[in-house]
Amino acid sequence: MDANAESIDNLVDNLKSQGYDLGKIPYILQLNKRDLPNVATVDEMKKLLIRKNPPEPTVEACAPKGIGVFETLKGVAKLVLAELTKSS
């Protein structure tokens, strides 16, 4: 859990150093490795990792099995297209 929180905090800092705000970028929070035993619940992960208000979409995934991967890609594509449409 600590590594996940540190990772998203690093993402926020790295984007900020490049002039970007995570709160203004379309993205989906993919909760991976959901097939492993003793994983944190989705609600616990959301409480720890959600950075937007309203919250960014989340997708449960198991990448090696392909579960949730296409859904994440499709969801991000929709968010990016919606953002581009707003900007036009």
PDB file of N, CA and C in Angstrom:
ATOM      1  N   MET A   1       0.832  -1.190   0.000  1.00  0.00           N
ATOM      2  CA  MET A   1       0.000   0.000   0.000  1.00  0.00           C
ATOM      3  C   MET A   1       0.875   1.252   0.000  1.00  0.00           C
ATOM      4  N   ASP A   2       1.940   1.225   0.806  1.00  0.00           N
ATOM      5  CA  ASP A   2       2.834   2.384   0.861  1.00  0.00           C
ATOM      6  C   ASP A   2       3.484   2.653  -0.493  1.00  0.00           C
ATOM      7  N   ALA A   3       3.893   1.586  -1.174  1.00  0.00           N
ATOM      8  CA  ALA A   3       4.530   1.740  -2.491  1.00  0.00           C
ATOM      9  C   ALA A   3       3.547   2.327  -3.505  1.00  0.00           C
ATOM     10  N   ASN A   4       2.281   1.940  -3.428  1.00  0.00           N
ATOM     11  CA  ASN A   4       1.271   2.491  -4.333  1.00  0.00           C
ATOM     12  C   ASN A   4       1.075   3.982  -4.084  1.00  0.00           C
ATOM     13  N   ALA A   5       0.964   4.367  -2.817  1.00  0.00           N
ATOM     14  CA  ALA A   5       0.786   5.783  -2.481  1.00  0.00           C
ATOM     15  C   ALA A   5       2.011   6.586  -2.910  1.00  0.00           C
ATOM     16  N   GLU A   6       3.198   6.040  -2.671  1.00  0.00           N
ATOM     17  CA  GLU A   6       4.424   6.730  -3.066  1.00  0.00           C
ATOM     18  C   GLU A   6       4.489   6.885  -4.581  1.00  0.00           C
ATOM     19  N   SER A   7       4.072   5.867  -5.303  1.00  0.00           N
ATOM     20  CA  SER A   7       4.102   5.904  -6.756  1.00  0.00           C
ATOM     21  C   SER A   7       3.205   7.005  -7.313  1.00  0.00           C
ATOM     22  N   ILE A   8       1.987   7.111  -6.797  1.00  0.00           N
ATOM     23  CA  ILE A   8       1.093   8.145  -7.326  1.00  0.00           C
ATOM     24  C   ILE A   8       1.551   9.533  -6.892  1.00  0.00           C
ATOM     25  N   ASP A   9       2.129   9.649  -5.693  1.00  0.00           N
ATOM     26  CA  ASP A   9       2.685  10.928  -5.262  1.00  0.00           C
ATOM     27  C   ASP A   9       3.855  11.331  -6.153  1.00  0.00           C
ATOM     28  N   ASN A  10       4.678  10.365  -6.538  1.00  0.00           N
ATOM     29  CA  ASN A  10       5.783  10.640  -7.467  1.00  0.00           C
ATOM     30  C   ASN A  10       5.249  11.076  -8.826  1.00  0.00           C
ATOM     31  N   LEU A  11       4.173  10.450  -9.277  1.00  0.00           N
ATOM     32  CA  LEU A  11       3.561  10.842 -10.536  1.00  0.00           C
ATOM     33  C   LEU A  11       3.103  12.298 -10.476  1.00  0.00           C
ATOM     34  N   VAL A  12       2.448  12.668  -9.392  1.00  0.00           N
ATOM     35  CA  VAL A  12       1.988  14.048  -9.218  1.00  0.00           C
ATOM     36  C   VAL A  12       3.178  15.007  -9.282  1.00  0.00           C
ATOM     37  N   ASP A  13       4.244  14.685  -8.555  1.00  0.00           N
ATOM     38  CA  ASP A  13       5.436  15.544  -8.522  1.00  0.00           C
ATOM     39  C   ASP A  13       6.113  15.624  -9.888  1.00  0.00           C
ATOM     40  N   ASN A  14       6.255  14.483 -10.551  1.00  0.00           N
ATOM     41  CA  ASN A  14       6.908  14.467 -11.862  1.00  0.00           C
ATOM     42  C   ASN A  14       6.104  15.250 -12.893  1.00  0.00           C
ATOM     43  N   LEU A  15       4.802  15.099 -12.881  1.00  0.00           N
ATOM     44  CA  LEU A  15       3.968  15.870 -13.811  1.00  0.00           C
ATOM     45  C   LEU A  15       4.076  17.362 -13.517  1.00  0.00           C
ATOM     46  N   LYS A  16       4.044  17.708 -12.220  1.00  0.00           N
ATOM     47  CA  LYS A  16       4.146  19.110 -11.835  1.00  0.00           C
ATOM     48  C   LYS A  16       5.464  19.720 -12.314  1.00  0.00           C
ATOM     49  N   SER A  17       6.545  18.949 -12.222  1.00  0.00           N
ATOM     50  CA  SER A  17       7.849  19.459 -12.659  1.00  0.00           C
ATOM     51  C   SER A  17       7.886  19.690 -14.173  1.00  0.00           C
ATOM     52  N   GLN A  18       6.957  19.056 -14.899  1.00  0.00           N
ATOM     53  CA  GLN A  18       6.861  19.238 -16.348  1.00  0.00           C
ATOM     54  C   GLN A  18       5.754  20.226 -16.731  1.00  0.00           C
ATOM     55  N   GLY A  19       5.133  20.837 -15.716  1.00  0.00           N
ATOM     56  CA  GLY A  19       4.095  21.828 -15.970  1.00  0.00           C
ATOM     57  C   GLY A  19       2.692  21.271 -16.119  1.00  0.00           C
ATOM     58  N   TYR A  20       2.470  20.055 -15.658  1.00  0.00           N
ATOM     59  CA  TYR A  20       1.152  19.428 -15.766  1.00  0.00           C
ATOM     60  C   TYR A  20       0.540  19.204 -14.388  1.00  0.00           C
ATOM     61  N   ASP A  21      -0.786  19.166 -14.358  1.00  0.00           N
ATOM     62  CA  ASP A  21      -1.540  18.929 -13.136  1.00  0.00           C
ATOM     63  C   ASP A  21      -2.326  17.634 -13.323  1.00  0.00           C
ATOM     64  N   LEU A  22      -2.058  16.648 -12.478  1.00  0.00           N
ATOM     65  CA  LEU A  22      -2.751  15.355 -12.604  1.00  0.00           C
ATOM     66  C   LEU A  22      -4.263  15.528 -12.552  1.00  0.00           C
ATOM     67  N   GLY A  23      -4.727  16.520 -11.802  1.00  0.00           N
ATOM     68  CA  GLY A  23      -6.160  16.759 -11.700  1.00  0.00           C
ATOM     69  C   GLY A  23      -6.806  17.207 -12.997  1.00  0.00           C
ATOM     70  N   LYS A  24      -5.988  17.632 -13.965  1.00  0.00           N
ATOM     71  CA  LYS A  24      -6.524  18.119 -15.231  1.00  0.00           C
ATOM     72  C   LYS A  24      -6.228  17.180 -16.403  1.00  0.00           C
ATOM     73  N   ILE A  25      -5.603  16.061 -16.110  1.00  0.00           N
ATOM     74  CA  ILE A  25      -5.246  15.104 -17.151  1.00  0.00           C
ATOM     75  C   ILE A  25      -6.215  13.923 -17.096  1.00  0.00           C
ATOM     76  N   PRO A  26      -6.771  13.534 -18.245  1.00  0.00           N
ATOM     77  CA  PRO A  26      -7.653  12.358 -18.226  1.00  0.00           C
ATOM     78  C   PRO A  26      -6.843  11.078 -18.011  1.00  0.00           C
ATOM     79  N   TYR A  27      -7.235  10.304 -17.032  1.00  0.00           N
ATOM     80  CA  TYR A  27      -6.588   9.016 -16.788  1.00  0.00           C
ATOM     81  C   TYR A  27      -7.526   8.103 -16.023  1.00  0.00           C
ATOM     82  N   ILE A  28      -7.179   6.836 -16.035  1.00  0.00           N
ATOM     83  CA  ILE A  28      -7.928   5.822 -15.287  1.00  0.00           C
ATOM     84  C   ILE A  28      -6.967   5.164 -14.317  1.00  0.00           C
ATOM     85  N   LEU A  29      -7.433   4.942 -13.133  1.00  0.00           N
ATOM     86  CA  LEU A  29      -6.649   4.251 -12.120  1.00  0.00           C
ATOM     87  C   LEU A  29      -6.891   2.749 -12.289  1.00  0.00           C
ATOM     88  N   GLN A  30      -5.877   2.046 -12.762  1.00  0.00           N
ATOM     89  CA  GLN A  30      -6.008   0.596 -12.956  1.00  0.00           C
ATOM     90  C   GLN A  30      -5.489  -0.109 -11.707  1.00  0.00           C
ATOM     91  N   LEU A  31      -6.353  -0.865 -11.080  1.00  0.00           N
ATOM     92  CA  LEU A  31      -5.990  -1.635  -9.889  1.00  0.00           C
ATOM     93  C   LEU A  31      -5.585  -3.027 -10.350  1.00  0.00           C
ATOM     94  N   ASN A  32      -4.289  -3.240 -10.453  1.00  0.00           N
ATOM     95  CA  ASN A  32      -3.758  -4.467 -11.031  1.00  0.00           C
ATOM     96  C   ASN A  32      -3.506  -5.521  -9.953  1.00  0.00           C
ATOM     97  N   LYS A  33      -3.198  -6.706 -10.404  1.00  0.00           N
ATOM     98  CA  LYS A  33      -2.863  -7.857  -9.546  1.00  0.00           C
ATOM     99  C   LYS A  33      -4.019  -8.258  -8.629  1.00  0.00           C
ATOM    100  N   ARG A  34      -5.220  -8.098  -9.127  1.00  0.00           N
ATOM    101  CA  ARG A  34      -6.402  -8.414  -8.318  1.00  0.00           C
ATOM    102  C   ARG A  34      -6.575  -9.908  -8.101  1.00  0.00           C
ATOM    103  N   ASP A  35      -5.778 -10.713  -8.784  1.00  0.00           N
ATOM    104  CA  ASP A  35      -5.874 -12.165  -8.640  1.00  0.00           C
ATOM    105  C   ASP A  35      -5.013 -12.700  -7.499  1.00  0.00           C
ATOM    106  N   LEU A  36      -4.170 -11.859  -6.916  1.00  0.00           N
ATOM    107  CA  LEU A  36      -3.272 -12.324  -5.857  1.00  0.00           C
ATOM    108  C   LEU A  36      -4.010 -12.476  -4.535  1.00  0.00           C
ATOM    109  N   PRO A  37      -3.549 -13.378  -3.691  1.00  0.00           N
ATOM    110  CA  PRO A  37      -4.200 -13.539  -2.385  1.00  0.00           C
ATOM    111  C   PRO A  37      -3.877 -12.354  -1.482  1.00  0.00           C
ATOM    112  N   ASN A  38      -4.776 -12.056  -0.578  1.00  0.00           N
ATOM    113  CA  ASN A  38      -4.574 -11.035   0.448  1.00  0.00           C
ATOM    114  C   ASN A  38      -4.350  -9.626  -0.100  1.00  0.00           C
ATOM    115  N   VAL A  39      -4.949  -9.306  -1.258  1.00  0.00           N
ATOM    116  CA  VAL A  39      -4.820  -7.949  -1.781  1.00  0.00           C
ATOM    117  C   VAL A  39      -5.762  -7.013  -1.019  1.00  0.00           C
ATOM    118  N   ALA A  40      -5.419  -5.748  -1.002  1.00  0.00           N
ATOM    119  CA  ALA A  40      -6.290  -4.749  -0.387  1.00  0.00           C
ATOM    120  C   ALA A  40      -7.599  -4.683  -1.160  1.00  0.00           C
ATOM    121  N   THR A  41      -8.645  -4.307  -0.483  1.00  0.00           N
ATOM    122  CA  THR A  41      -9.936  -4.190  -1.159  1.00  0.00           C
ATOM    123  C   THR A  41      -9.912  -3.007  -2.119  1.00  0.00           C
ATOM    124  N   VAL A  42     -10.840  -3.029  -3.059  1.00  0.00           N
ATOM    125  CA  VAL A  42     -10.957  -1.929  -4.010  1.00  0.00           C
ATOM    126  C   VAL A  42     -11.229  -0.630  -3.260  1.00  0.00           C
ATOM    127  N   ASP A  43     -12.103  -0.669  -2.263  1.00  0.00           N
ATOM    128  CA  ASP A  43     -12.404   0.540  -1.495  1.00  0.00           C
ATOM    129  C   ASP A  43     -11.165   1.080  -0.779  1.00  0.00           C
ATOM    130  N   GLU A  44     -10.350   0.192  -0.212  1.00  0.00           N
ATOM    131  CA  GLU A  44      -9.116   0.634   0.445  1.00  0.00           C
ATOM    132  C   GLU A  44      -8.172   1.295  -0.556  1.00  0.00           C
ATOM    133  N   MET A  45      -8.057   0.684  -1.733  1.00  0.00           N
ATOM    134  CA  MET A  45      -7.172   1.235  -2.755  1.00  0.00           C
ATOM    135  C   MET A  45      -7.671   2.590  -3.240  1.00  0.00           C
ATOM    136  N   LYS A  46      -8.971   2.706  -3.443  1.00  0.00           N
ATOM    137  CA  LYS A  46      -9.534   3.974  -3.893  1.00  0.00           C
ATOM    138  C   LYS A  46      -9.293   5.076  -2.861  1.00  0.00           C
ATOM    139  N   LYS A  47      -9.522   4.766  -1.584  1.00  0.00           N
ATOM    140  CA  LYS A  47      -9.302   5.766  -0.533  1.00  0.00           C
ATOM    141  C   LYS A  47      -7.864   6.263  -0.538  1.00  0.00           C
ATOM    142  N   LEU A  48      -6.940   5.378  -0.832  1.00  0.00           N
ATOM    143  CA  LEU A  48      -5.525   5.714  -0.818  1.00  0.00           C
ATOM    144  C   LEU A  48      -5.076   6.448  -2.076  1.00  0.00           C
ATOM    145  N   LEU A  49      -5.637   6.087  -3.226  1.00  0.00           N
ATOM    146  CA  LEU A  49      -5.068   6.531  -4.504  1.00  0.00           C
ATOM    147  C   LEU A  49      -5.871   7.570  -5.279  1.00  0.00           C
ATOM    148  N   ILE A  50      -7.146   7.702  -5.005  1.00  0.00           N
ATOM    149  CA  ILE A  50      -7.969   8.671  -5.740  1.00  0.00           C
ATOM    150  C   ILE A  50      -7.421  10.075  -5.504  1.00  0.00           C
ATOM    151  N   ARG A  51      -7.247  10.811  -6.603  1.00  0.00           N
ATOM    152  CA  ARG A  51      -6.690  12.164  -6.513  1.00  0.00           C
ATOM    153  C   ARG A  51      -7.601  13.230  -7.110  1.00  0.00           C
ATOM    154  N   LYS A  52      -8.706  12.816  -7.728  1.00  0.00           N
ATOM    155  CA  LYS A  52      -9.586  13.784  -8.378  1.00  0.00           C
ATOM    156  C   LYS A  52     -10.915  13.899  -7.655  1.00  0.00           C
ATOM    157  N   ASN A  53     -11.583  15.016  -7.887  1.00  0.00           N
ATOM    158  CA  ASN A  53     -12.933  15.214  -7.391  1.00  0.00           C
ATOM    159  C   ASN A  53     -13.722  15.850  -8.527  1.00  0.00           C
ATOM    160  N   PRO A  54     -14.676  15.175  -9.149  1.00  0.00           N
ATOM    161  CA  PRO A  54     -15.100  13.805  -8.857  1.00  0.00           C
ATOM    162  C   PRO A  54     -13.979  12.812  -9.157  1.00  0.00           C
ATOM    163  N   PRO A  55     -14.056  11.641  -8.525  1.00  0.00           N
ATOM    164  CA  PRO A  55     -12.962  10.670  -8.640  1.00  0.00           C
ATOM    165  C   PRO A  55     -12.739  10.150 -10.059  1.00  0.00           C
ATOM    166  N   GLU A  56     -11.480   9.890 -10.350  1.00  0.00           N
ATOM    167  CA  GLU A  56     -11.144   9.293 -11.633  1.00  0.00           C
ATOM    168  C   GLU A  56     -11.715   7.875 -11.691  1.00  0.00           C
ATOM    169  N   PRO A  57     -12.026   7.400 -12.893  1.00  0.00           N
ATOM    170  CA  PRO A  57     -12.534   6.028 -13.032  1.00  0.00           C
ATOM    171  C   PRO A  57     -11.474   5.014 -12.592  1.00  0.00           C
ATOM    172  N   THR A  58     -11.933   3.887 -12.101  1.00  0.00           N
ATOM    173  CA  THR A  58     -11.022   2.803 -11.731  1.00  0.00           C
ATOM    174  C   THR A  58     -11.455   1.522 -12.434  1.00  0.00           C
ATOM    175  N   VAL A  59     -10.464   0.694 -12.740  1.00  0.00           N
ATOM    176  CA  VAL A  59     -10.715  -0.600 -13.366  1.00  0.00           C
ATOM    177  C   VAL A  59      -9.889  -1.644 -12.633  1.00  0.00           C
ATOM    178  N   GLU A  60     -10.539  -2.726 -12.226  1.00  0.00           N
ATOM    179  CA  GLU A  60      -9.801  -3.846 -11.640  1.00  0.00           C
ATOM    180  C   GLU A  60      -9.158  -4.635 -12.765  1.00  0.00           C
ATOM    181  N   ALA A  61      -7.930  -5.110 -12.528  1.00  0.00           N
ATOM    182  CA  ALA A  61      -7.218  -5.789 -13.604  1.00  0.00           C
ATOM    183  C   ALA A  61      -6.325  -6.913 -13.095  1.00  0.00           C
ATOM    184  N   CYS A  62      -6.028  -7.798 -14.020  1.00  0.00           N
ATOM    185  CA  CYS A  62      -5.011  -8.832 -13.859  1.00  0.00           C
ATOM    186  C   CYS A  62      -4.313  -8.880 -15.217  1.00  0.00           C
ATOM    187  N   ALA A  63      -3.292  -8.063 -15.371  1.00  0.00           N
ATOM    188  CA  ALA A  63      -2.660  -7.854 -16.670  1.00  0.00           C
ATOM    189  C   ALA A  63      -2.180  -9.142 -17.346  1.00  0.00           C
ATOM    190  N   PRO A  64      -1.517 -10.071 -16.633  1.00  0.00           N
ATOM    191  CA  PRO A  64      -1.048 -11.277 -17.330  1.00  0.00           C
ATOM    192  C   PRO A  64      -2.179 -12.098 -17.955  1.00  0.00           C
ATOM    193  N   LYS A  65      -3.363 -12.000 -17.385  1.00  0.00           N
ATOM    194  CA  LYS A  65      -4.516 -12.720 -17.924  1.00  0.00           C
ATOM    195  C   LYS A  65      -5.327 -11.850 -18.888  1.00  0.00           C
ATOM    196  N   GLY A  66      -4.926 -10.595 -19.035  1.00  0.00           N
ATOM    197  CA  GLY A  66      -5.630  -9.690 -19.930  1.00  0.00           C
ATOM    198  C   GLY A  66      -6.911  -9.120 -19.357  1.00  0.00           C
ATOM    199  N   ILE A  67      -7.180  -9.373 -18.103  1.00  0.00           N
ATOM    200  CA  ILE A  67      -8.412  -8.896 -17.476  1.00  0.00           C
ATOM    201  C   ILE A  67      -8.267  -7.413 -17.144  1.00  0.00           C
ATOM    202  N   GLY A  68      -9.170  -6.605 -17.644  1.00  0.00           N
ATOM    203  CA  GLY A  68      -9.192  -5.182 -17.338  1.00  0.00           C
ATOM    204  C   GLY A  68      -8.281  -4.323 -18.198  1.00  0.00           C
ATOM    205  N   VAL A  69      -7.403  -4.947 -18.965  1.00  0.00           N
ATOM    206  CA  VAL A  69      -6.435  -4.183 -19.759  1.00  0.00           C
ATOM    207  C   VAL A  69      -7.129  -3.427 -20.889  1.00  0.00           C
ATOM    208  N   PHE A  70      -7.930  -4.114 -21.674  1.00  0.00           N
ATOM    209  CA  PHE A  70      -8.634  -3.460 -22.778  1.00  0.00           C
ATOM    210  C   PHE A  70      -9.633  -2.437 -22.250  1.00  0.00           C
ATOM    211  N   GLU A  71     -10.295  -2.764 -21.148  1.00  0.00           N
ATOM    212  CA  GLU A  71     -11.261  -1.841 -20.558  1.00  0.00           C
ATOM    213  C   GLU A  71     -10.573  -0.537 -20.153  1.00  0.00           C
ATOM    214  N   THR A  72      -9.358  -0.642 -19.602  1.00  0.00           N
ATOM    215  CA  THR A  72      -8.598   0.551 -19.219  1.00  0.00           C
ATOM    216  C   THR A  72      -8.233   1.370 -20.449  1.00  0.00           C
ATOM    217  N   LEU A  73      -7.716   0.715 -21.472  1.00  0.00           N
ATOM    218  CA  LEU A  73      -7.327   1.403 -22.697  1.00  0.00           C
ATOM    219  C   LEU A  73      -8.525   2.097 -23.339  1.00  0.00           C
ATOM    220  N   LYS A  74      -9.621   1.374 -23.445  1.00  0.00           N
ATOM    221  CA  LYS A  74     -10.842   1.923 -24.041  1.00  0.00           C
ATOM    222  C   LYS A  74     -11.357   3.120 -23.233  1.00  0.00           C
ATOM    223  N   GLY A  75     -11.314   2.994 -21.922  1.00  0.00           N
ATOM    224  CA  GLY A  75     -11.771   4.075 -21.055  1.00  0.00           C
ATOM    225  C   GLY A  75     -10.907   5.317 -21.174  1.00  0.00           C
ATOM    226  N   VAL A  76      -9.598   5.131 -21.231  1.00  0.00           N
ATOM    227  CA  VAL A  76      -8.690   6.274 -21.386  1.00  0.00           C
ATOM    228  C   VAL A  76      -8.904   6.941 -22.734  1.00  0.00           C
ATOM    229  N   ALA A  77      -9.078   6.144 -23.773  1.00  0.00           N
ATOM    230  CA  ALA A  77      -9.321   6.708 -25.103  1.00  0.00           C
ATOM    231  C   ALA A  77     -10.584   7.576 -25.091  1.00  0.00           C
ATOM    232  N   LYS A  78     -11.634   7.114 -24.451  1.00  0.00           N
ATOM    233  CA  LYS A  78     -12.873   7.890 -24.361  1.00  0.00           C
ATOM    234  C   LYS A  78     -12.651   9.196 -23.607  1.00  0.00           C
ATOM    235  N   LEU A  79     -11.906   9.124 -22.493  1.00  0.00           N
ATOM    236  CA  LEU A  79     -11.638  10.331 -21.709  1.00  0.00           C
ATOM    237  C   LEU A  79     -10.814  11.346 -22.500  1.00  0.00           C
ATOM    238  N   VAL A  80      -9.818  10.866 -23.217  1.00  0.00           N
ATOM    239  CA  VAL A  80      -8.971  11.758 -24.022  1.00  0.00           C
ATOM    240  C   VAL A  80      -9.787  12.393 -25.139  1.00  0.00           C
ATOM    241  N   LEU A  81     -10.605  11.601 -25.809  1.00  0.00           N
ATOM    242  CA  LEU A  81     -11.443  12.151 -26.875  1.00  0.00           C
ATOM    243  C   LEU A  81     -12.424  13.187 -26.341  1.00  0.00           C
ATOM    244  N   ALA A  82     -13.001  12.926 -25.182  1.00  0.00           N
ATOM    245  CA  ALA A  82     -13.916  13.883 -24.563  1.00  0.00           C
ATOM    246  C   ALA A  82     -13.185  15.183 -24.220  1.00  0.00           C
ATOM    247  N   GLU A  83     -11.963  15.067 -23.723  1.00  0.00           N
ATOM    248  CA  GLU A  83     -11.160  16.236 -23.389  1.00  0.00           C
ATOM    249  C   GLU A  83     -10.807  17.029 -24.646  1.00  0.00           C
ATOM    250  N   LEU A  84     -10.446  16.342 -25.703  1.00  0.00           N
ATOM    251  CA  LEU A  84     -10.127  17.010 -26.971  1.00  0.00           C
ATOM    252  C   LEU A  84     -11.353  17.719 -27.548  1.00  0.00           C
ATOM    253  N   THR A  85     -12.505  17.097 -27.406  1.00  0.00           N
ATOM    254  CA  THR A  85     -13.740  17.697 -27.894  1.00  0.00           C
ATOM    255  C   THR A  85     -14.053  18.975 -27.119  1.00  0.00           C
ATOM    256  N   LYS A  86     -13.835  18.955 -25.806  1.00  0.00           N
ATOM    257  CA  LYS A  86     -14.054  20.153 -24.980  1.00  0.00           C
ATOM    258  C   LYS A  86     -13.117  21.275 -25.388  1.00  0.00           C
ATOM    259  N   SER A  87     -11.898  20.938 -25.747  1.00  0.00           N
ATOM    260  CA  SER A  87     -10.874  21.929 -26.083  1.00  0.00           C
ATOM    261  C   SER A  87     -11.101  22.566 -27.443  1.00  0.00           C
ATOM    262  N   SER A  88     -11.890  21.907 -28.285  1.00  0.00           N
ATOM    263  CA  SER A  88     -12.078  22.402 -29.667  1.00  0.00           C
ATOM    264  C   SER A  88     -12.974  23.593 -29.717  1.00  0.00           C
TER     265      SER A  88
END
